[in-house]
């Protein structure tokens, strides 16, 4: 399973040696939608599939969310967890 880390820098600084908050990535296709974030050459991040991932399971960097999309994705994630 591929993941995109969505936890904040503060969260990662505190818990990052153990876990991060991430969303699942479907590498089979690129989809658009309210809870879907296409990532070029990686697939689709499903923003409504939040999970904790042990740091040890993140072995390889395969892509990154474009910096222009950070704010929009953070807004969706905060809305999903009730932290507006």
N, C-alpha and C. Protein backbone atom coordinates (compact mmCIF):
# COMPACT_ATOMS: atom_id res chain seq x y z
N UNK A 1 0.84 -1.17 0.00
CA UNK A 1 0.00 0.00 0.00
C UNK A 1 0.89 1.24 0.00
N UNK A 2 0.49 2.21 -0.80
CA UNK A 2 1.19 3.50 -0.82
C UNK A 2 0.39 4.51 -0.01
N UNK A 3 1.10 5.47 0.59
CA UNK A 3 0.46 6.47 1.42
C UNK A 3 1.02 7.85 1.10
N UNK A 4 0.21 8.87 1.39
CA UNK A 4 0.65 10.26 1.41
C UNK A 4 0.54 10.71 2.85
N UNK A 5 1.63 11.21 3.41
CA UNK A 5 1.62 11.71 4.78
C UNK A 5 0.90 13.05 4.80
N UNK A 6 -0.11 13.16 5.68
CA UNK A 6 -0.89 14.39 5.77
C UNK A 6 -0.80 15.04 7.15
N UNK A 7 -0.08 14.44 8.08
CA UNK A 7 0.04 15.04 9.40
C UNK A 7 0.95 16.26 9.32
N UNK A 8 0.72 17.18 10.23
CA UNK A 8 1.46 18.44 10.25
C UNK A 8 2.90 18.24 10.69
N UNK A 9 3.73 19.22 10.42
CA UNK A 9 5.12 19.17 10.86
C UNK A 9 5.21 19.06 12.38
N UNK A 10 4.34 19.79 13.10
CA UNK A 10 4.35 19.71 14.57
C UNK A 10 4.03 18.29 15.04
N UNK A 11 3.01 17.68 14.44
CA UNK A 11 2.66 16.31 14.79
C UNK A 11 3.82 15.37 14.48
N UNK A 12 4.40 15.52 13.30
CA UNK A 12 5.51 14.64 12.90
C UNK A 12 6.72 14.83 13.80
N UNK A 13 6.98 16.05 14.25
CA UNK A 13 8.10 16.29 15.16
C UNK A 13 7.88 15.57 16.49
N UNK A 14 6.62 15.52 16.95
CA UNK A 14 6.33 14.90 18.23
C UNK A 14 6.22 13.39 18.15
N UNK A 15 5.51 12.88 17.11
CA UNK A 15 5.25 11.44 17.00
C UNK A 15 5.99 10.78 15.84
N UNK A 16 6.69 11.55 15.04
CA UNK A 16 7.25 11.07 13.78
C UNK A 16 8.18 9.88 13.88
N UNK A 17 8.80 9.67 15.04
CA UNK A 17 9.66 8.50 15.16
C UNK A 17 8.85 7.22 15.28
N UNK A 18 7.54 7.36 15.59
CA UNK A 18 6.68 6.18 15.76
C UNK A 18 5.62 6.07 14.68
N UNK A 19 4.91 7.18 14.41
CA UNK A 19 3.79 7.10 13.48
C UNK A 19 3.54 8.46 12.83
N UNK A 20 2.86 8.42 11.71
CA UNK A 20 2.40 9.61 11.02
C UNK A 20 0.94 9.38 10.63
N UNK A 21 0.24 10.46 10.32
CA UNK A 21 -1.12 10.34 9.79
C UNK A 21 -1.00 10.40 8.28
N UNK A 22 -1.64 9.45 7.62
CA UNK A 22 -1.50 9.35 6.17
C UNK A 22 -2.84 8.98 5.54
N UNK A 23 -2.90 9.10 4.22
CA UNK A 23 -4.06 8.64 3.45
C UNK A 23 -3.58 7.64 2.42
N UNK A 24 -4.46 6.71 2.08
CA UNK A 24 -4.13 5.69 1.09
C UNK A 24 -4.05 6.28 -0.31
N UNK A 25 -3.17 5.71 -1.12
CA UNK A 25 -3.02 6.11 -2.51
C UNK A 25 -3.34 4.93 -3.41
N UNK A 26 -4.23 5.15 -4.36
CA UNK A 26 -4.55 4.15 -5.37
C UNK A 26 -3.66 4.43 -6.57
N UNK A 27 -2.71 3.57 -6.83
CA UNK A 27 -1.76 3.80 -7.91
C UNK A 27 -2.27 3.31 -9.27
N UNK A 28 -3.46 2.73 -9.29
CA UNK A 28 -4.00 2.18 -10.54
C UNK A 28 -4.56 3.26 -11.46
N UNK A 29 -5.02 4.38 -10.89
CA UNK A 29 -5.66 5.39 -11.73
C UNK A 29 -5.63 6.75 -11.03
N UNK A 30 -5.94 7.78 -11.80
CA UNK A 30 -6.03 9.13 -11.26
C UNK A 30 -7.49 9.57 -11.34
N UNK A 31 -8.08 9.88 -10.18
CA UNK A 31 -9.47 10.28 -10.09
C UNK A 31 -9.57 11.69 -9.55
N UNK A 32 -10.64 12.39 -9.91
CA UNK A 32 -10.95 13.71 -9.37
C UNK A 32 -12.13 13.54 -8.42
N UNK A 33 -12.32 14.48 -7.51
CA UNK A 33 -13.47 14.45 -6.61
C UNK A 33 -13.18 15.20 -5.33
N UNK A 34 -14.23 15.39 -4.52
CA UNK A 34 -14.09 16.15 -3.27
C UNK A 34 -13.07 15.54 -2.32
N UNK A 35 -13.02 14.23 -2.27
CA UNK A 35 -12.11 13.55 -1.36
C UNK A 35 -11.03 12.77 -2.10
N UNK A 36 -10.75 13.19 -3.30
CA UNK A 36 -9.72 12.56 -4.13
C UNK A 36 -8.72 13.62 -4.57
N UNK A 37 -7.47 13.33 -4.44
CA UNK A 37 -6.43 14.25 -4.84
C UNK A 37 -5.49 13.55 -5.82
N UNK A 38 -5.56 13.93 -7.11
CA UNK A 38 -4.66 13.31 -8.08
C UNK A 38 -3.22 13.76 -7.84
N UNK A 39 -2.31 12.81 -7.91
CA UNK A 39 -0.89 13.11 -7.75
C UNK A 39 -0.18 12.58 -8.99
N UNK A 40 0.42 13.47 -9.73
CA UNK A 40 1.05 13.12 -11.00
C UNK A 40 2.07 12.00 -10.81
N UNK A 41 2.01 11.02 -11.67
CA UNK A 41 2.93 9.88 -11.70
C UNK A 41 2.86 8.99 -10.45
N UNK A 42 1.84 9.18 -9.60
CA UNK A 42 1.71 8.36 -8.40
C UNK A 42 0.34 7.68 -8.37
N UNK A 43 -0.73 8.45 -8.59
CA UNK A 43 -2.08 7.91 -8.53
C UNK A 43 -3.02 8.89 -7.86
N UNK A 44 -3.97 8.36 -7.10
CA UNK A 44 -4.97 9.19 -6.43
C UNK A 44 -4.90 8.98 -4.93
N UNK A 45 -4.74 10.07 -4.20
CA UNK A 45 -4.81 10.03 -2.75
C UNK A 45 -6.27 10.10 -2.35
N UNK A 46 -6.72 9.13 -1.57
CA UNK A 46 -8.10 9.09 -1.08
C UNK A 46 -8.12 9.75 0.29
N UNK A 47 -8.48 11.03 0.30
CA UNK A 47 -8.38 11.83 1.52
C UNK A 47 -9.31 11.36 2.63
N UNK A 48 -10.34 10.61 2.30
CA UNK A 48 -11.25 10.10 3.32
C UNK A 48 -10.81 8.74 3.87
N UNK A 49 -9.63 8.31 3.52
CA UNK A 49 -9.08 7.04 4.05
C UNK A 49 -7.89 7.33 4.95
N UNK A 50 -8.17 8.04 6.03
CA UNK A 50 -7.13 8.41 7.00
C UNK A 50 -6.72 7.21 7.85
N UNK A 51 -5.44 7.14 8.14
CA UNK A 51 -4.94 6.06 8.98
C UNK A 51 -3.63 6.49 9.63
N UNK A 52 -3.27 5.83 10.72
CA UNK A 52 -1.94 5.99 11.28
C UNK A 52 -1.05 4.96 10.62
N UNK A 53 0.14 5.37 10.28
CA UNK A 53 1.11 4.46 9.67
C UNK A 53 2.38 4.50 10.51
N UNK A 54 2.87 3.33 10.87
CA UNK A 54 4.14 3.26 11.59
C UNK A 54 5.25 3.77 10.69
N UNK A 55 6.11 4.58 11.24
CA UNK A 55 7.21 5.18 10.46
C UNK A 55 8.01 4.13 9.73
N UNK A 56 8.19 2.97 10.34
CA UNK A 56 8.97 1.90 9.73
C UNK A 56 8.36 1.33 8.46
N UNK A 57 7.06 1.58 8.24
CA UNK A 57 6.41 1.08 7.03
C UNK A 57 6.58 2.02 5.84
N UNK A 58 7.11 3.20 6.09
CA UNK A 58 7.35 4.15 5.01
C UNK A 58 8.79 3.96 4.53
N UNK A 59 8.94 3.15 3.50
CA UNK A 59 10.27 2.74 3.08
C UNK A 59 10.81 3.52 1.90
N UNK A 60 9.94 4.01 1.04
CA UNK A 60 10.40 4.61 -0.21
C UNK A 60 9.54 5.83 -0.55
N UNK A 61 10.19 6.93 -0.92
CA UNK A 61 9.48 8.11 -1.39
C UNK A 61 9.19 7.93 -2.87
N UNK A 62 7.91 7.86 -3.23
CA UNK A 62 7.56 7.63 -4.64
C UNK A 62 6.98 8.86 -5.30
N UNK A 63 6.66 9.88 -4.54
CA UNK A 63 6.13 11.11 -5.10
C UNK A 63 5.70 12.04 -3.99
N UNK A 64 5.30 13.24 -4.39
CA UNK A 64 4.88 14.23 -3.42
C UNK A 64 3.70 15.01 -3.94
N UNK A 65 2.91 15.50 -3.01
CA UNK A 65 1.82 16.40 -3.34
C UNK A 65 2.42 17.73 -3.76
N UNK A 66 1.91 18.31 -4.84
CA UNK A 66 2.43 19.59 -5.31
C UNK A 66 2.20 20.64 -4.21
N UNK A 67 3.20 21.48 -3.92
CA UNK A 67 3.06 22.48 -2.85
C UNK A 67 1.84 23.39 -3.00
N UNK A 68 1.41 23.66 -4.22
CA UNK A 68 0.23 24.49 -4.43
C UNK A 68 -1.05 23.84 -3.91
N UNK A 69 -1.02 22.55 -3.64
CA UNK A 69 -2.21 21.80 -3.19
C UNK A 69 -2.22 21.56 -1.68
N UNK A 70 -1.15 21.93 -0.98
CA UNK A 70 -1.06 21.66 0.46
C UNK A 70 -2.22 22.27 1.24
N UNK A 71 -2.52 23.53 0.99
CA UNK A 71 -3.58 24.20 1.75
C UNK A 71 -4.94 23.57 1.49
N UNK A 72 -5.24 23.28 0.23
CA UNK A 72 -6.54 22.69 -0.10
C UNK A 72 -6.70 21.31 0.54
N UNK A 73 -5.66 20.50 0.48
CA UNK A 73 -5.72 19.16 1.07
C UNK A 73 -5.83 19.26 2.59
N UNK A 74 -5.08 20.17 3.20
CA UNK A 74 -5.15 20.35 4.66
C UNK A 74 -6.56 20.76 5.08
N UNK A 75 -7.21 21.60 4.31
CA UNK A 75 -8.57 22.03 4.61
C UNK A 75 -9.53 20.84 4.58
N UNK A 76 -9.40 19.97 3.59
CA UNK A 76 -10.26 18.78 3.50
C UNK A 76 -10.01 17.86 4.69
N UNK A 77 -8.75 17.61 5.00
CA UNK A 77 -8.41 16.71 6.11
C UNK A 77 -8.95 17.26 7.43
N UNK A 78 -8.75 18.55 7.65
CA UNK A 78 -9.25 19.16 8.90
C UNK A 78 -10.77 19.06 8.97
N UNK A 79 -11.44 19.23 7.85
CA UNK A 79 -12.89 19.09 7.83
C UNK A 79 -13.32 17.68 8.17
N UNK A 80 -12.60 16.70 7.69
CA UNK A 80 -12.94 15.30 7.96
C UNK A 80 -12.76 14.92 9.42
N UNK A 81 -11.77 15.51 10.07
CA UNK A 81 -11.52 15.17 11.48
C UNK A 81 -12.18 16.17 12.43
N UNK A 82 -12.90 17.15 11.88
CA UNK A 82 -13.61 18.11 12.71
C UNK A 82 -12.73 19.16 13.34
N UNK A 83 -11.63 19.49 12.70
CA UNK A 83 -10.68 20.47 13.23
C UNK A 83 -10.57 21.63 12.25
N UNK A 84 -11.63 22.42 12.13
CA UNK A 84 -11.63 23.54 11.19
C UNK A 84 -10.99 24.72 11.85
